[in-house]
């Protein structure tokens, strides 16, 4: 998590009585052969609507970033093994 994301998260902690979860799924398949990456991010935040909305946006950014990172690694491995082109 970048310093900017950490600072943003500290600002939305609030009373820490709410939780938000976001998931991201990316697949790399060629005619059914391949693999996929599933990332789930859960954050604790304050109960106000702005804090929850900001926590959802941050969780979304974190999940997308991690999914893209691991999807790229998966893709390289699948290509090197000849599973996909």
Protein backbone atom coordinates (compact mmCIF):
# COMPACT_ATOMS: atom_id res chain seq x y z
CA UNK A 1 0.00 0.00 0.00
CA UNK A 2 1.48 3.36 -1.00
CA UNK A 3 2.00 6.15 1.55
CA UNK A 4 -0.84 8.10 -0.10
CA UNK A 5 -3.16 5.11 0.32
CA UNK A 6 -2.06 4.68 3.95
CA UNK A 7 -2.77 8.35 4.69
CA UNK A 8 -6.14 8.08 2.94
CA UNK A 9 -7.00 4.99 4.97
CA UNK A 10 -6.09 6.69 8.27
CA UNK A 11 -8.48 9.53 7.38
CA UNK A 12 -11.45 7.15 6.93
CA UNK A 13 -10.88 4.94 9.98
CA UNK A 14 -13.39 6.92 12.04
CA UNK A 15 -14.89 4.86 14.86
CA UNK A 16 -13.78 1.62 13.14
CA UNK A 17 -17.23 0.04 13.55
CA UNK A 18 -17.95 -0.66 9.86
CA UNK A 19 -16.34 -3.01 7.37
CA UNK A 20 -16.34 -2.98 3.58
CA UNK A 21 -15.20 -5.79 1.28
CA UNK A 22 -14.40 -5.67 -2.42
CA UNK A 23 -13.40 -8.54 -4.68
CA UNK A 24 -11.72 -8.63 -8.09
CA UNK A 25 -11.45 -11.63 -10.39
CA UNK A 26 -9.26 -11.77 -13.53
CA UNK A 27 -8.87 -14.80 -15.79
CA UNK A 28 -6.45 -15.65 -18.57
CA UNK A 29 -7.73 -18.52 -20.66
CA UNK A 30 -7.37 -19.82 -24.19
CA UNK A 31 -10.10 -22.29 -25.17
CA UNK A 32 -10.64 -23.20 -21.52
CA UNK A 33 -6.96 -23.63 -20.67
CA UNK A 34 -5.31 -21.16 -18.34
CA UNK A 35 -5.92 -19.78 -14.89
CA UNK A 36 -7.31 -16.97 -12.84
CA UNK A 37 -6.61 -14.62 -9.96
CA UNK A 38 -9.11 -13.71 -7.23
CA UNK A 39 -8.36 -10.89 -4.76
CA UNK A 40 -10.55 -9.83 -1.83
CA UNK A 41 -9.86 -6.71 0.25
CA UNK A 42 -11.66 -5.97 3.53
CA UNK A 43 -11.18 -2.65 5.31
CA UNK A 44 -12.44 -1.40 8.66
CA UNK A 45 -13.75 2.16 8.59
CA UNK A 46 -16.08 4.65 10.23
CA UNK A 47 -19.87 4.35 9.98
CA UNK A 48 -20.61 7.61 8.17
CA UNK A 49 -21.62 7.44 4.51
CA UNK A 50 -18.58 9.47 3.34
CA UNK A 51 -16.18 7.18 5.28
CA UNK A 52 -17.84 4.05 3.87
CA UNK A 53 -17.81 5.44 0.31
CA UNK A 54 -14.14 6.36 0.60
CA UNK A 55 -13.29 2.95 2.08
CA UNK A 56 -15.07 1.21 -0.82
CA UNK A 57 -13.12 3.31 -3.33
CA UNK A 58 -9.80 2.55 -1.59
CA UNK A 59 -10.58 -1.19 -1.31
CA UNK A 60 -11.49 -1.18 -5.02
CA UNK A 61 -8.15 0.47 -5.91
CA UNK A 62 -6.19 -2.00 -3.75
CA UNK A 63 -8.02 -5.05 -5.13
CA UNK A 64 -7.59 -3.91 -8.74
CA UNK A 65 -3.89 -3.18 -8.25
CA UNK A 66 -3.18 -6.53 -6.63
CA UNK A 67 -5.26 -8.46 -9.17
CA UNK A 68 -3.46 -6.79 -12.11
CA UNK A 69 -0.07 -7.48 -10.52
CA UNK A 70 -0.73 -11.18 -9.94
CA UNK A 71 -2.58 -11.56 -13.24
CA UNK A 72 0.53 -10.30 -15.07
CA UNK A 73 2.66 -12.85 -13.21
CA UNK A 74 0.17 -15.61 -14.01
CA UNK A 75 0.06 -14.62 -17.68
CA UNK A 76 3.86 -14.71 -17.97
CA UNK A 77 3.96 -18.15 -16.38
CA UNK A 78 1.18 -19.53 -18.61
CA UNK A 79 2.87 -18.18 -21.75
CA UNK A 80 6.27 -19.57 -20.72
CA UNK A 81 4.67 -22.99 -20.16
CA UNK A 82 2.90 -22.87 -23.52
CA UNK A 83 -0.57 -23.05 -21.96
CA UNK A 84 -1.67 -19.83 -23.68
CA UNK A 85 -0.23 -17.71 -26.48
